[in-house]
Every structure is written in structure tokens, then in C-alpha cells.
Amino acid sequence: MLSENGMAAFDAAIAGGFGIECDVRASRDGVAFVFHDAALVRMAGRDEAVAALDAATLDQITLPDGGAIPRLSALLARSGDHTPLLVEIKAEGRRVEAVCGAVARDLAAWPGAPVAIMSFNPWAMRWFLRQRVGQVNGLVLTQQGKGRLRGSIERALALWLSKPDFLACDIRDLPSRLSRHAQARGMPVLTWSVRSQAERATAAAHADQIIFEWSRD
């Protein structure tokens, strides 16, 4: 089975003519790695945080399919100017400079690549809004586990901080007033993570594009 965020999975997506969505965190020494979790335990069996290890150490760690944890720079080289790439920045709180700076440095080497970035963290999107003018940015949103009032306040603040070019909404939240309002204003709405035919039908009716998961043994 191909590992999530592994280079073999990305190669399969490229071969199939699909765009790629990936998750990115920064190493201790400021290198962007393609990895979802804050800790390595689920995917690599090590009870350590990605941010606690340097790039040279992370390069030696293998995923379940035997491949290495990819650097973002390696994925950009693989996807080049032909495969659309959607980079989700994983960052907690307001201290986003390390991961955002690492991503920005890698993107600067590929000025013509079709790349957009997104994050749950509005501070990350605000960083790019100020530091990388013209970069297409999106805000990732979910209402799951949140009350109506809390969700409304958080969403309003996040939208104000990030000023996104697009939204990436949890498929479980669609249809929503927010998604309808965004589309009415001409803002694209993506949805994640689509895993079933029923969810594909919901996405087709209420979103402009999907982020889907497909597993292959």
C-alpha cells in the first residue's frame, strides 16, 4: 500500500493526470517536509515531533511503504510546471515563520509552477499575504466539533486575518451558508476529503473542486 504523503503516491497521482494535495511541516532547521502529523509515531513509529528533528535525521526515516519522508523541494521538482500542487501548511498558533519561510523558499525556486497554498491557520495565510505577494492562498475550514457561536466567531476572525482567494470546506459541512455565500461572490469552494460516491455527489452539487483520497493496495 502506498503511504500517505509518500513520493510513490505522488508519482501515482502524476501518472494518472491528477493534481496533488500535500501537507507540509518544517524541520528543526527550517526545511519543509511533506508530512501530516505533528509527531512521527503514526507513520514512522517514532515518538518524536517533526519540528524537533533536523532535516538530515528526517531524511533517514522511512514511511510504511519503505520510501523516505519527502522534502517539499523534491516534490516540486517531481511535479514541475505540469502538475497542479496544493500545499497545506501545518502550523499551530501564531509562530508560523519557520514553516511559512521554508515553504516560501522552496516555492521561489519554481516561479512558474501551478501551486496554491492553504491552511487551517489564518496566521499562516496572513504571513503569505504579506510576504509573498500574488501567491494564491486558501483557508481550510471545518465546523465539526464546534458549536454554532464558537464556529461563527472563529470563522469570521480567520476570514478577516487571511483574506483567502478560495475556501476548502469539510465535506461533512456541505451545503452551508458560508459556501453558498462564497460562490455567490465568485470565490471558489473546494471540499475535502471526498471518499465515497455519495460525497462525490454532494461535492458536485455544492463545491467547485474536490480533494479526494484513493487507496490502492
N, C-alpha and C. Protein backbone atom coordinates (compact mmCIF):
# COMPACT_ATOMS: atom_id res chain seq x y z
N MET A 1 0.84 -1.19 0.00
CA MET A 1 0.00 0.00 0.00
C MET A 1 0.88 1.24 0.00
N LEU A 2 0.48 2.24 -0.76
CA LEU A 2 1.23 3.48 -0.83
C LEU A 2 0.99 4.32 0.43
N SER A 3 2.04 4.92 0.94
CA SER A 3 1.93 5.74 2.15
C SER A 3 1.36 7.11 1.83
N GLU A 4 0.53 7.62 2.73
CA GLU A 4 0.05 8.99 2.54
C GLU A 4 1.22 9.95 2.57
N ASN A 5 1.17 10.95 1.72
CA ASN A 5 2.23 11.94 1.60
C ASN A 5 3.58 11.32 1.23
N GLY A 6 3.55 10.13 0.63
CA GLY A 6 4.79 9.50 0.18
C GLY A 6 5.03 9.76 -1.29
N MET A 7 6.28 9.71 -1.71
CA MET A 7 6.60 10.02 -3.10
C MET A 7 6.00 9.02 -4.06
N ALA A 8 5.87 7.76 -3.67
CA ALA A 8 5.25 6.76 -4.55
C ALA A 8 3.79 7.12 -4.83
N ALA A 9 3.08 7.61 -3.81
CA ALA A 9 1.69 8.03 -4.00
C ALA A 9 1.63 9.25 -4.92
N PHE A 10 2.56 10.16 -4.76
CA PHE A 10 2.58 11.34 -5.62
C PHE A 10 2.90 10.96 -7.06
N ASP A 11 3.81 10.02 -7.24
CA ASP A 11 4.13 9.55 -8.59
C ASP A 11 2.91 8.92 -9.25
N ALA A 12 2.12 8.17 -8.46
CA ALA A 12 0.90 7.55 -9.00
C ALA A 12 -0.10 8.62 -9.41
N ALA A 13 -0.21 9.68 -8.62
CA ALA A 13 -1.12 10.78 -8.97
C ALA A 13 -0.67 11.47 -10.25
N ILE A 14 0.62 11.72 -10.38
CA ILE A 14 1.14 12.36 -11.58
C ILE A 14 0.90 11.49 -12.80
N ALA A 15 1.16 10.20 -12.66
CA ALA A 15 0.94 9.26 -13.77
C ALA A 15 -0.53 9.21 -14.18
N GLY A 16 -1.43 9.40 -13.21
CA GLY A 16 -2.85 9.37 -13.50
C GLY A 16 -3.41 10.69 -13.99
N GLY A 17 -2.56 11.72 -14.06
CA GLY A 17 -3.01 13.02 -14.53
C GLY A 17 -3.76 13.83 -13.50
N PHE A 18 -3.58 13.51 -12.22
CA PHE A 18 -4.27 14.23 -11.16
C PHE A 18 -3.39 15.33 -10.58
N GLY A 19 -4.02 16.35 -10.02
CA GLY A 19 -3.30 17.29 -9.18
C GLY A 19 -3.01 16.65 -7.84
N ILE A 20 -2.18 17.30 -7.04
CA ILE A 20 -1.72 16.74 -5.77
C ILE A 20 -2.02 17.71 -4.64
N GLU A 21 -2.55 17.16 -3.53
CA GLU A 21 -2.66 17.90 -2.28
C GLU A 21 -1.70 17.26 -1.30
N CYS A 22 -0.92 18.08 -0.61
CA CYS A 22 0.04 17.55 0.35
C CYS A 22 0.06 18.41 1.60
N ASP A 23 0.58 17.83 2.69
CA ASP A 23 0.69 18.53 3.97
C ASP A 23 2.17 18.80 4.24
N VAL A 24 2.47 19.97 4.80
CA VAL A 24 3.87 20.34 4.99
C VAL A 24 4.12 20.86 6.40
N ARG A 25 5.20 20.36 6.99
CA ARG A 25 5.72 20.84 8.26
C ARG A 25 7.19 21.17 8.10
N ALA A 26 7.74 21.93 9.04
CA ALA A 26 9.15 22.31 8.98
C ALA A 26 9.98 21.52 9.98
N SER A 27 11.18 21.16 9.56
CA SER A 27 12.14 20.52 10.46
C SER A 27 12.70 21.54 11.44
N ARG A 28 13.47 21.06 12.39
CA ARG A 28 14.05 21.95 13.40
C ARG A 28 14.93 23.02 12.77
N ASP A 29 15.61 22.67 11.66
CA ASP A 29 16.50 23.62 10.99
C ASP A 29 15.85 24.30 9.79
N GLY A 30 14.52 24.29 9.73
CA GLY A 30 13.82 25.11 8.76
C GLY A 30 13.75 24.58 7.35
N VAL A 31 13.59 23.27 7.20
CA VAL A 31 13.41 22.65 5.89
C VAL A 31 11.98 22.12 5.81
N ALA A 32 11.32 22.36 4.68
CA ALA A 32 9.93 21.94 4.52
C ALA A 32 9.86 20.47 4.13
N PHE A 33 9.14 19.68 4.96
CA PHE A 33 8.94 18.26 4.69
C PHE A 33 7.44 18.00 4.50
N VAL A 34 7.15 17.04 3.63
CA VAL A 34 5.77 16.68 3.35
C VAL A 34 5.33 15.61 4.35
N PHE A 35 4.54 16.05 5.34
CA PHE A 35 4.14 15.16 6.43
C PHE A 35 2.92 15.77 7.11
N HIS A 36 1.95 14.94 7.44
CA HIS A 36 0.70 15.45 8.01
C HIS A 36 0.77 15.70 9.50
N ASP A 37 1.18 14.71 10.27
CA ASP A 37 1.08 14.77 11.73
C ASP A 37 2.19 15.61 12.34
N ALA A 38 1.93 16.16 13.52
CA ALA A 38 2.99 16.84 14.26
C ALA A 38 4.04 15.85 14.74
N ALA A 39 3.60 14.64 15.10
CA ALA A 39 4.50 13.61 15.61
C ALA A 39 4.69 12.50 14.57
N LEU A 40 5.78 11.76 14.70
CA LEU A 40 6.13 10.72 13.74
C LEU A 40 5.54 9.36 14.08
N VAL A 41 4.88 9.24 15.22
CA VAL A 41 4.53 7.92 15.73
C VAL A 41 3.60 7.14 14.80
N ARG A 42 2.58 7.77 14.26
CA ARG A 42 1.61 7.03 13.44
C ARG A 42 2.22 6.51 12.15
N MET A 43 3.01 7.32 11.48
CA MET A 43 3.53 6.96 10.16
C MET A 43 4.93 6.38 10.18
N ALA A 44 5.67 6.63 11.26
CA ALA A 44 7.05 6.16 11.29
C ALA A 44 7.43 5.43 12.57
N GLY A 45 6.50 5.30 13.53
CA GLY A 45 6.78 4.54 14.74
C GLY A 45 7.77 5.17 15.69
N ARG A 46 7.97 6.48 15.59
CA ARG A 46 8.91 7.17 16.47
C ARG A 46 8.15 8.23 17.26
N ASP A 47 8.34 8.22 18.57
CA ASP A 47 7.63 9.15 19.44
C ASP A 47 8.39 10.47 19.52
N GLU A 48 8.52 11.11 18.38
CA GLU A 48 9.22 12.39 18.27
C GLU A 48 8.42 13.31 17.35
N ALA A 49 8.60 14.59 17.55
CA ALA A 49 7.93 15.58 16.69
C ALA A 49 8.79 15.89 15.48
N VAL A 50 8.14 16.15 14.36
CA VAL A 50 8.87 16.56 13.16
C VAL A 50 9.70 17.80 13.45
N ALA A 51 9.11 18.76 14.17
CA ALA A 51 9.79 20.02 14.43
C ALA A 51 10.99 19.88 15.36
N ALA A 52 11.13 18.71 16.03
CA ALA A 52 12.23 18.51 16.96
C ALA A 52 13.47 17.92 16.29
N LEU A 53 13.34 17.49 15.05
CA LEU A 53 14.45 16.82 14.36
C LEU A 53 14.95 17.67 13.21
N ASP A 54 16.26 17.55 12.93
CA ASP A 54 16.80 18.30 11.79
C ASP A 54 16.55 17.55 10.49
N ALA A 55 16.81 18.23 9.39
CA ALA A 55 16.49 17.67 8.08
C ALA A 55 17.26 16.40 7.79
N ALA A 56 18.53 16.35 8.17
CA ALA A 56 19.34 15.17 7.90
C ALA A 56 18.77 13.94 8.60
N THR A 57 18.25 14.12 9.81
CA THR A 57 17.64 13.00 10.53
C THR A 57 16.33 12.58 9.88
N LEU A 58 15.51 13.53 9.52
CA LEU A 58 14.23 13.22 8.88
C LEU A 58 14.43 12.52 7.54
N ASP A 59 15.50 12.85 6.84
CA ASP A 59 15.79 12.20 5.56
C ASP A 59 16.01 10.69 5.71
N GLN A 60 16.41 10.25 6.89
CA GLN A 60 16.73 8.83 7.12
C GLN A 60 15.53 8.02 7.60
N ILE A 61 14.42 8.67 7.87
CA ILE A 61 13.24 7.99 8.39
C ILE A 61 12.38 7.49 7.24
N THR A 62 11.89 6.26 7.35
CA THR A 62 11.09 5.67 6.27
C THR A 62 9.62 5.60 6.64
N LEU A 63 8.78 5.68 5.63
CA LEU A 63 7.34 5.53 5.75
C LEU A 63 6.97 4.05 5.63
N PRO A 64 5.72 3.68 5.89
CA PRO A 64 5.33 2.26 5.83
C PRO A 64 5.60 1.58 4.49
N ASP A 65 5.58 2.33 3.37
CA ASP A 65 5.84 1.70 2.07
C ASP A 65 7.33 1.63 1.74
N GLY A 66 8.18 2.04 2.70
CA GLY A 66 9.62 1.95 2.51
C GLY A 66 10.26 3.20 1.95
N GLY A 67 9.46 4.15 1.53
CA GLY A 67 10.00 5.39 1.00
C GLY A 67 10.36 6.36 2.10
N ALA A 68 11.15 7.36 1.75
CA ALA A 68 11.54 8.40 2.70
C ALA A 68 10.44 9.45 2.83
N ILE A 69 10.50 10.22 3.90
CA ILE A 69 9.62 11.37 4.03
C ILE A 69 10.09 12.41 3.00
N PRO A 70 9.26 12.79 2.06
CA PRO A 70 9.74 13.70 1.01
C PRO A 70 9.97 15.12 1.52
N ARG A 71 10.96 15.75 0.97
CA ARG A 71 11.08 17.19 1.14
C ARG A 71 10.14 17.87 0.14
N LEU A 72 9.62 19.03 0.50
CA LEU A 72 8.78 19.76 -0.44
C LEU A 72 9.55 20.10 -1.71
N SER A 73 10.82 20.41 -1.57
CA SER A 73 11.63 20.74 -2.75
C SER A 73 11.68 19.57 -3.72
N ALA A 74 11.73 18.34 -3.21
CA ALA A 74 11.75 17.16 -4.08
C ALA A 74 10.41 16.97 -4.77
N LEU A 75 9.32 17.21 -4.07
CA LEU A 75 8.00 17.09 -4.70
C LEU A 75 7.81 18.15 -5.77
N LEU A 76 8.27 19.36 -5.52
CA LEU A 76 8.19 20.41 -6.53
C LEU A 76 8.99 20.04 -7.77
N ALA A 77 10.15 19.44 -7.56
CA ALA A 77 10.95 19.01 -8.70
C ALA A 77 10.24 17.92 -9.48
N ARG A 78 9.52 17.05 -8.79
CA ARG A 78 8.81 15.96 -9.45
C ARG A 78 7.58 16.48 -10.20
N SER A 79 6.83 17.38 -9.59
CA SER A 79 5.61 17.88 -10.22
C SER A 79 5.89 18.96 -11.25
N GLY A 80 6.95 19.73 -11.02
CA GLY A 80 7.41 20.69 -12.01
C GLY A 80 6.37 21.73 -12.38
N ASP A 81 6.36 22.07 -13.67
CA ASP A 81 5.43 23.08 -14.16
C ASP A 81 4.16 22.48 -14.73
N HIS A 82 3.97 21.15 -14.58
CA HIS A 82 2.87 20.49 -15.27
C HIS A 82 1.79 19.93 -14.33
N THR A 83 2.12 19.66 -13.08
CA THR A 83 1.14 19.07 -12.16
C THR A 83 0.71 20.08 -11.11
N PRO A 84 -0.57 20.43 -11.04
CA PRO A 84 -1.04 21.36 -10.00
C PRO A 84 -0.77 20.81 -8.61
N LEU A 85 -0.31 21.68 -7.73
CA LEU A 85 0.07 21.27 -6.38
C LEU A 85 -0.63 22.19 -5.37
N LEU A 86 -1.31 21.56 -4.42
CA LEU A 86 -1.99 22.28 -3.36
C LEU A 86 -1.30 21.94 -2.05
N VAL A 87 -0.64 22.91 -1.46
CA VAL A 87 0.19 22.70 -0.28
C VAL A 87 -0.55 23.18 0.96
N GLU A 88 -0.86 22.24 1.86
CA GLU A 88 -1.48 22.62 3.12
C GLU A 88 -0.41 22.78 4.19
N ILE A 89 -0.31 23.97 4.72
CA ILE A 89 0.69 24.26 5.74
C ILE A 89 0.14 23.89 7.11
N LYS A 90 0.88 23.04 7.80
CA LYS A 90 0.51 22.61 9.14
C LYS A 90 1.29 23.44 10.16
N ALA A 91 0.56 24.25 10.91
CA ALA A 91 1.19 25.11 11.91
C ALA A 91 0.18 25.39 13.01
N GLU A 92 0.68 25.47 14.23
CA GLU A 92 -0.17 25.73 15.37
C GLU A 92 0.16 27.12 15.94
N GLY A 93 -0.86 27.87 16.31
CA GLY A 93 -0.65 29.17 16.93
C GLY A 93 -0.14 30.22 15.97
N ARG A 94 0.46 31.25 16.54
CA ARG A 94 0.91 32.39 15.74
C ARG A 94 2.36 32.27 15.28
N ARG A 95 3.09 31.29 15.80
CA ARG A 95 4.51 31.15 15.43
C ARG A 95 4.61 30.34 14.13
N VAL A 96 4.39 31.03 13.04
CA VAL A 96 4.32 30.35 11.74
C VAL A 96 5.51 30.65 10.84
N GLU A 97 6.45 31.47 11.32
CA GLU A 97 7.52 31.94 10.45
C GLU A 97 8.39 30.81 9.91
N ALA A 98 8.68 29.82 10.74
CA ALA A 98 9.60 28.75 10.32
C ALA A 98 9.03 27.96 9.15
N VAL A 99 7.81 27.46 9.28
CA VAL A 99 7.25 26.64 8.22
C VAL A 99 6.89 27.49 7.00
N CYS A 100 6.35 28.68 7.22
CA CYS A 100 5.99 29.53 6.08
C CYS A 100 7.24 29.96 5.31
N GLY A 101 8.28 30.31 6.04
CA GLY A 101 9.53 30.69 5.37
C GLY A 101 10.13 29.54 4.59
N ALA A 102 10.07 28.33 5.16
CA ALA A 102 10.60 27.14 4.47
C ALA A 102 9.83 26.88 3.18
N VAL A 103 8.51 26.97 3.24
CA VAL A 103 7.69 26.76 2.05
C VAL A 103 7.97 27.84 1.02
N ALA A 104 8.04 29.08 1.45
CA ALA A 104 8.26 30.19 0.52
C ALA A 104 9.60 30.05 -0.20
N ARG A 105 10.63 29.62 0.50
CA ARG A 105 11.94 29.44 -0.14
C ARG A 105 11.87 28.36 -1.23
N ASP A 106 11.17 27.28 -0.95
CA ASP A 106 11.06 26.23 -1.96
C ASP A 106 10.23 26.69 -3.16
N LEU A 107 9.16 27.41 -2.90
CA LEU A 107 8.32 27.89 -4.00
C LEU A 107 9.06 28.89 -4.88
N ALA A 108 9.95 29.66 -4.28
CA ALA A 108 10.70 30.66 -5.05
C ALA A 108 11.55 30.02 -6.14
N ALA A 109 11.93 28.77 -5.95
CA ALA A 109 12.73 28.07 -6.96
C ALA A 109 11.90 27.60 -8.14
N TRP A 110 10.57 27.66 -8.03
CA TRP A 110 9.67 27.20 -9.08
C TRP A 110 8.61 28.28 -9.36
N PRO A 111 9.02 29.42 -9.88
CA PRO A 111 8.08 30.54 -10.06
C PRO A 111 6.95 30.26 -11.03
N GLY A 112 7.14 29.32 -11.96
CA GLY A 112 6.09 29.03 -12.93
C GLY A 112 5.22 27.85 -12.58
N ALA A 113 5.47 27.22 -11.44
CA ALA A 113 4.71 26.03 -11.07
C ALA A 113 3.29 26.40 -10.65
N PRO A 114 2.31 25.57 -11.01
CA PRO A 114 0.92 25.84 -10.62
C PRO A 114 0.66 25.40 -9.17
N VAL A 115 1.03 26.26 -8.23
CA VAL A 115 0.97 25.93 -6.80
C VAL A 115 0.06 26.91 -6.08
N ALA A 116 -0.82 26.38 -5.24
CA ALA A 116 -1.58 27.18 -4.30
C ALA A 116 -1.30 26.65 -2.91
N ILE A 117 -1.44 27.50 -1.92
CA ILE A 117 -1.23 27.07 -0.54
C ILE A 117 -2.52 27.29 0.25
N MET A 118 -2.65 26.55 1.33
CA MET A 118 -3.82 26.70 2.19
C MET A 118 -3.45 26.25 3.59
N SER A 119 -4.31 26.59 4.55
CA SER A 119 -4.06 26.19 5.93
C SER A 119 -5.32 26.40 6.77
N PHE A 120 -5.46 25.61 7.83
CA PHE A 120 -6.43 25.91 8.86
C PHE A 120 -6.03 27.17 9.63
N ASN A 121 -4.74 27.43 9.65
CA ASN A 121 -4.20 28.51 10.47
C ASN A 121 -4.22 29.84 9.71
N PRO A 122 -5.08 30.78 10.09
CA PRO A 122 -5.14 32.04 9.34
C PRO A 122 -3.87 32.86 9.46
N TRP A 123 -3.11 32.64 10.53
CA TRP A 123 -1.85 33.38 10.67
C TRP A 123 -0.84 32.97 9.60
N ALA A 124 -0.88 31.70 9.20
CA ALA A 124 -0.01 31.26 8.11
C ALA A 124 -0.39 31.94 6.81
N MET A 125 -1.70 32.02 6.54
CA MET A 125 -2.14 32.68 5.31
C MET A 125 -1.85 34.18 5.35
N ARG A 126 -1.96 34.76 6.52
CA ARG A 126 -1.64 36.19 6.67
C ARG A 126 -0.16 36.43 6.41
N TRP A 127 0.69 35.49 6.84
CA TRP A 127 2.13 35.62 6.58
C TRP A 127 2.38 35.67 5.08
N PHE A 128 1.77 34.76 4.33
CA PHE A 128 1.97 34.74 2.88
C PHE A 128 1.35 35.96 2.22
N LEU A 129 0.24 36.43 2.74
CA LEU A 129 -0.39 37.62 2.18
C LEU A 129 0.57 38.81 2.22
N ARG A 130 1.36 38.86 3.28
CA ARG A 130 2.30 39.98 3.44
C ARG A 130 3.66 39.74 2.81
N GLN A 131 4.12 38.49 2.83
CA GLN A 131 5.49 38.20 2.43
C GLN A 131 5.64 37.67 1.00
N ARG A 132 4.59 37.12 0.42
CA ARG A 132 4.69 36.56 -0.92
C ARG A 132 3.49 37.05 -1.73
N VAL A 133 3.60 38.27 -2.19
CA VAL A 133 2.51 38.93 -2.90
C VAL A 133 2.19 38.17 -4.18
N GLY A 134 0.90 37.94 -4.40
CA GLY A 134 0.47 37.25 -5.61
C GLY A 134 0.29 35.76 -5.44
N GLN A 135 0.73 35.21 -4.31
CA GLN A 135 0.55 33.78 -4.06
C GLN A 135 -0.94 33.47 -3.83
N VAL A 136 -1.45 32.46 -4.51
CA VAL A 136 -2.84 32.05 -4.32
C VAL A 136 -2.96 31.32 -2.98
N ASN A 137 -3.83 31.82 -2.11
CA ASN A 137 -3.97 31.31 -0.74
C ASN A 137 -5.40 30.87 -0.47
N GLY A 138 -5.54 29.82 0.33
CA GLY A 138 -6.87 29.36 0.70
C GLY A 138 -6.98 29.07 2.18
N LEU A 139 -8.18 29.20 2.71
CA LEU A 139 -8.44 28.92 4.11
C LEU A 139 -9.18 27.60 4.23
N VAL A 140 -8.66 26.69 5.06
CA VAL A 140 -9.29 25.39 5.30
C VAL A 140 -10.22 25.52 6.51
N LEU A 141 -11.44 25.00 6.36
CA LEU A 141 -12.45 25.19 7.40
C LEU A 141 -13.18 23.91 7.72
N THR A 142 -13.56 23.76 9.00
CA THR A 142 -14.45 22.70 9.42
C THR A 142 -15.32 23.19 10.56
N GLN A 143 -16.55 22.72 10.59
CA GLN A 143 -17.46 23.02 11.69
C GLN A 143 -17.56 21.86 12.66
N GLN A 144 -16.92 20.75 12.35
CA GLN A 144 -17.04 19.55 13.16
C GLN A 144 -16.46 19.79 14.56
N GLY A 145 -17.26 19.42 15.58
CA GLY A 145 -16.81 19.56 16.96
C GLY A 145 -16.89 20.96 17.51
N LYS A 146 -17.53 21.86 16.78
CA LYS A 146 -17.64 23.25 17.23
C LYS A 146 -19.10 23.63 17.36
N GLY A 147 -19.41 24.41 18.37
CA GLY A 147 -20.75 24.94 18.49
C GLY A 147 -20.99 26.04 17.48
N ARG A 148 -22.23 26.39 17.29
CA ARG A 148 -22.57 27.39 16.28
C ARG A 148 -21.93 28.74 16.55
N LEU A 149 -21.98 29.20 17.80
CA LEU A 149 -21.42 30.51 18.14
C LEU A 149 -19.91 30.51 18.01
N ARG A 150 -19.26 29.49 18.60
CA ARG A 150 -17.80 29.42 18.52
C ARG A 150 -17.34 29.33 17.08
N GLY A 151 -18.02 28.48 16.30
CA GLY A 151 -17.64 28.32 14.91
C GLY A 151 -17.78 29.61 14.13
N SER A 152 -18.84 30.37 14.37
CA SER A 152 -19.07 31.63 13.66
C SER A 152 -18.00 32.66 14.00
N ILE A 153 -17.64 32.76 15.28
CA ILE A 153 -16.62 33.72 15.69
C ILE A 153 -15.26 33.36 15.11
N GLU A 154 -14.87 32.09 15.22
CA GLU A 154 -13.59 31.64 14.70
C GLU A 154 -13.51 31.86 13.19
N ARG A 155 -14.58 31.54 12.50
CA ARG A 155 -14.61 31.67 11.05
C ARG A 155 -14.49 33.12 10.62
N ALA A 156 -15.22 34.00 11.29
CA ALA A 156 -15.17 35.42 10.94
C ALA A 156 -13.76 35.98 11.15
N LEU A 157 -13.12 35.62 12.26
CA LEU A 157 -11.77 36.09 12.54
C LEU A 157 -10.78 35.54 11.52
N ALA A 158 -10.91 34.25 11.20
CA ALA A 158 -10.00 33.62 10.25
C ALA A 158 -10.12 34.25 8.86
N LEU A 159 -11.33 34.52 8.44
CA LEU A 159 -11.54 35.15 7.12
C LEU A 159 -10.95 36.56 7.10
N TRP A 160 -11.11 37.28 8.18
CA TRP A 160 -10.58 38.64 8.25
C TRP A 160 -9.05 38.64 8.23
N LEU A 161 -8.45 37.71 8.95
CA LEU A 161 -6.99 37.64 9.02
C LEU A 161 -6.37 37.19 7.70
N SER A 162 -6.97 36.18 7.07
CA SER A 162 -6.32 35.52 5.93
C SER A 162 -6.69 36.11 4.59
N LYS A 163 -7.87 36.70 4.46
CA LYS A 163 -8.34 37.24 3.17
C LYS A 163 -8.08 36.26 2.04
N PRO A 164 -8.69 35.08 2.11
CA PRO A 164 -8.34 33.99 1.19
C PRO A 164 -8.86 34.21 -0.23
N ASP A 165 -8.18 33.56 -1.18
CA ASP A 165 -8.64 33.54 -2.56
C ASP A 165 -9.66 32.43 -2.78
N PHE A 166 -9.62 31.39 -1.94
CA PHE A 166 -10.57 30.29 -2.03
C PHE A 166 -10.78 29.69 -0.65
N LEU A 167 -11.84 28.90 -0.51
CA LEU A 167 -12.12 28.16 0.71
C LEU A 167 -12.00 26.67 0.44
N ALA A 168 -11.55 25.92 1.45
CA ALA A 168 -11.53 24.46 1.40
C ALA A 168 -12.36 23.97 2.57
N CYS A 169 -13.59 23.55 2.29
CA CYS A 169 -14.56 23.22 3.32
C CYS A 169 -14.66 21.71 3.55
N ASP A 170 -14.85 21.33 4.78
CA ASP A 170 -15.09 19.94 5.16
C ASP A 170 -16.34 19.44 4.43
N ILE A 171 -16.24 18.31 3.74
CA ILE A 171 -17.38 17.76 3.01
C ILE A 171 -18.56 17.51 3.93
N ARG A 172 -18.30 17.23 5.19
CA ARG A 172 -19.38 16.97 6.15
C ARG A 172 -20.20 18.21 6.47
N ASP A 173 -19.66 19.40 6.12
CA ASP A 173 -20.36 20.65 6.40
C ASP A 173 -21.21 21.14 5.22
N LEU A 174 -21.06 20.50 4.07
CA LEU A 174 -21.78 20.98 2.88
C LEU A 174 -23.15 20.33 2.76
N PRO A 175 -24.13 21.11 2.26
CA PRO A 175 -24.06 22.53 1.88
C PRO A 175 -24.08 23.42 3.11
N SER A 176 -23.54 24.63 2.97
CA SER A 176 -23.51 25.55 4.09
C SER A 176 -23.79 26.97 3.60
N ARG A 177 -24.20 27.79 4.51
CA ARG A 177 -24.44 29.19 4.17
C ARG A 177 -23.15 29.85 3.71
N LEU A 178 -22.04 29.52 4.39
CA LEU A 178 -20.75 30.11 4.03
C LEU A 178 -20.35 29.74 2.61
N SER A 179 -20.48 28.47 2.25
CA SER A 179 -20.06 28.05 0.90
C SER A 179 -20.93 28.70 -0.17
N ARG A 180 -22.22 28.79 0.08
CA ARG A 180 -23.11 29.43 -0.88
C ARG A 180 -22.77 30.91 -1.04
N HIS A 181 -22.48 31.57 0.07
CA HIS A 181 -22.15 32.99 0.04
C HIS A 181 -20.84 33.21 -0.72
N ALA A 182 -19.85 32.35 -0.46
CA ALA A 182 -18.56 32.48 -1.15
C ALA A 182 -18.73 32.32 -2.65
N GLN A 183 -19.44 31.30 -3.07
CA GLN A 183 -19.64 31.08 -4.50
C GLN A 183 -20.43 32.21 -5.15
N ALA A 184 -21.38 32.76 -4.43
CA ALA A 184 -22.15 33.88 -4.97
C ALA A 184 -21.26 35.10 -5.21
N ARG A 185 -20.18 35.21 -4.43
CA ARG A 185 -19.22 36.31 -4.60
C ARG A 185 -18.11 35.98 -5.58
N GLY A 186 -18.17 34.79 -6.16
CA GLY A 186 -17.16 34.39 -7.13
C GLY A 186 -15.92 33.77 -6.52
N MET A 187 -15.97 33.40 -5.23
CA MET A 187 -14.83 32.75 -4.58
C MET A 187 -14.97 31.24 -4.73
N PRO A 188 -13.95 30.57 -5.30
CA PRO A 188 -14.02 29.11 -5.44
C PRO A 188 -14.11 28.40 -4.10
N VAL A 189 -14.87 27.32 -4.08
CA VAL A 189 -15.01 26.48 -2.89
C VAL A 189 -14.53 25.08 -3.23
N LEU A 190 -13.48 24.63 -2.53
CA LEU A 190 -13.01 23.25 -2.61
C LEU A 190 -13.61 22.50 -1.43
N THR A 191 -13.60 21.18 -1.51
CA THR A 191 -14.07 20.40 -0.36
C THR A 191 -13.20 19.16 -0.17
N TRP A 192 -13.06 18.75 1.10
CA TRP A 192 -12.20 17.65 1.49
C TRP A 192 -12.90 16.83 2.56
N SER A 193 -12.46 15.64 2.84
CA SER A 193 -11.79 14.74 1.92
C SER A 193 -12.87 13.81 1.39
N VAL A 194 -13.03 13.78 0.10
CA VAL A 194 -14.09 13.02 -0.54
C VAL A 194 -13.64 11.57 -0.69
N ARG A 195 -14.44 10.65 -0.11
CA ARG A 195 -14.03 9.25 -0.07
C ARG A 195 -15.09 8.30 -0.62
N SER A 196 -16.27 8.78 -0.94
CA SER A 196 -17.35 7.90 -1.38
C SER A 196 -18.12 8.53 -2.52
N GLN A 197 -18.93 7.71 -3.19
CA GLN A 197 -19.75 8.22 -4.27
C GLN A 197 -20.79 9.21 -3.76
N ALA A 198 -21.32 8.97 -2.59
CA ALA A 198 -22.28 9.90 -2.01
C ALA A 198 -21.64 11.26 -1.75
N GLU A 199 -20.41 11.24 -1.26
CA GLU A 199 -19.71 12.50 -1.03
C GLU A 199 -19.35 13.18 -2.34
N ARG A 200 -19.04 12.41 -3.36
CA ARG A 200 -18.77 12.99 -4.68
C ARG A 200 -20.01 13.72 -5.20
N ALA A 201 -21.18 13.15 -4.97
CA ALA A 201 -22.42 13.78 -5.41
C ALA A 201 -22.66 15.09 -4.65
N THR A 202 -22.40 15.08 -3.34
CA THR A 202 -22.53 16.31 -2.55
C THR A 202 -21.56 17.37 -3.04
N ALA A 203 -20.33 16.96 -3.30
CA ALA A 203 -19.32 17.90 -3.77
C ALA A 203 -19.69 18.48 -5.13
N ALA A 204 -20.20 17.64 -6.02
CA ALA A 204 -20.59 18.11 -7.34
C ALA A 204 -21.68 19.17 -7.28
N ALA A 205 -22.54 19.04 -6.28
CA ALA A 205 -23.65 19.98 -6.15
C ALA A 205 -23.27 21.26 -5.43
N HIS A 206 -22.25 21.21 -4.56
CA HIS A 206 -22.03 22.34 -3.67
C HIS A 206 -20.58 22.86 -3.65
N ALA A 207 -19.70 22.33 -4.47
CA ALA A 207 -18.31 22.79 -4.48
C ALA A 207 -17.81 22.89 -5.91
N ASP A 208 -16.71 23.61 -6.07
CA ASP A 208 -16.13 23.80 -7.39
C ASP A 208 -15.06 22.76 -7.72
N GLN A 209 -14.47 22.15 -6.71
CA GLN A 209 -13.45 21.13 -6.92
C GLN A 209 -13.34 20.30 -5.65
N ILE A 210 -12.81 19.07 -5.79
CA ILE A 210 -12.70 18.18 -4.66
C ILE A 210 -11.25 17.85 -4.34
N ILE A 211 -11.02 17.55 -3.08
CA ILE A 211 -9.77 16.93 -2.62
C ILE A 211 -10.18 15.53 -2.17
N PHE A 212 -9.71 14.52 -2.87
CA PHE A 212 -10.18 13.18 -2.59
C PHE A 212 -9.05 12.27 -2.16
N GLU A 213 -9.42 11.18 -1.52
CA GLU A 213 -8.48 10.14 -1.12
C GLU A 213 -8.81 8.87 -1.89
N TRP A 214 -7.76 8.25 -2.40
CA TRP A 214 -7.93 6.99 -3.14
C TRP A 214 -6.82 6.06 -2.71
N SER A 215 -7.18 4.93 -2.13
CA SER A 215 -6.17 3.96 -1.69
C SER A 215 -6.06 2.83 -2.70
N ARG A 216 -4.83 2.35 -2.88
CA ARG A 216 -4.59 1.24 -3.81
C ARG A 216 -3.63 0.27 -3.15
N ASP A 217 -4.04 -0.98 -3.04
CA ASP A 217 -3.19 -2.00 -2.43
C ASP A 217 -2.11 -2.43 -3.43
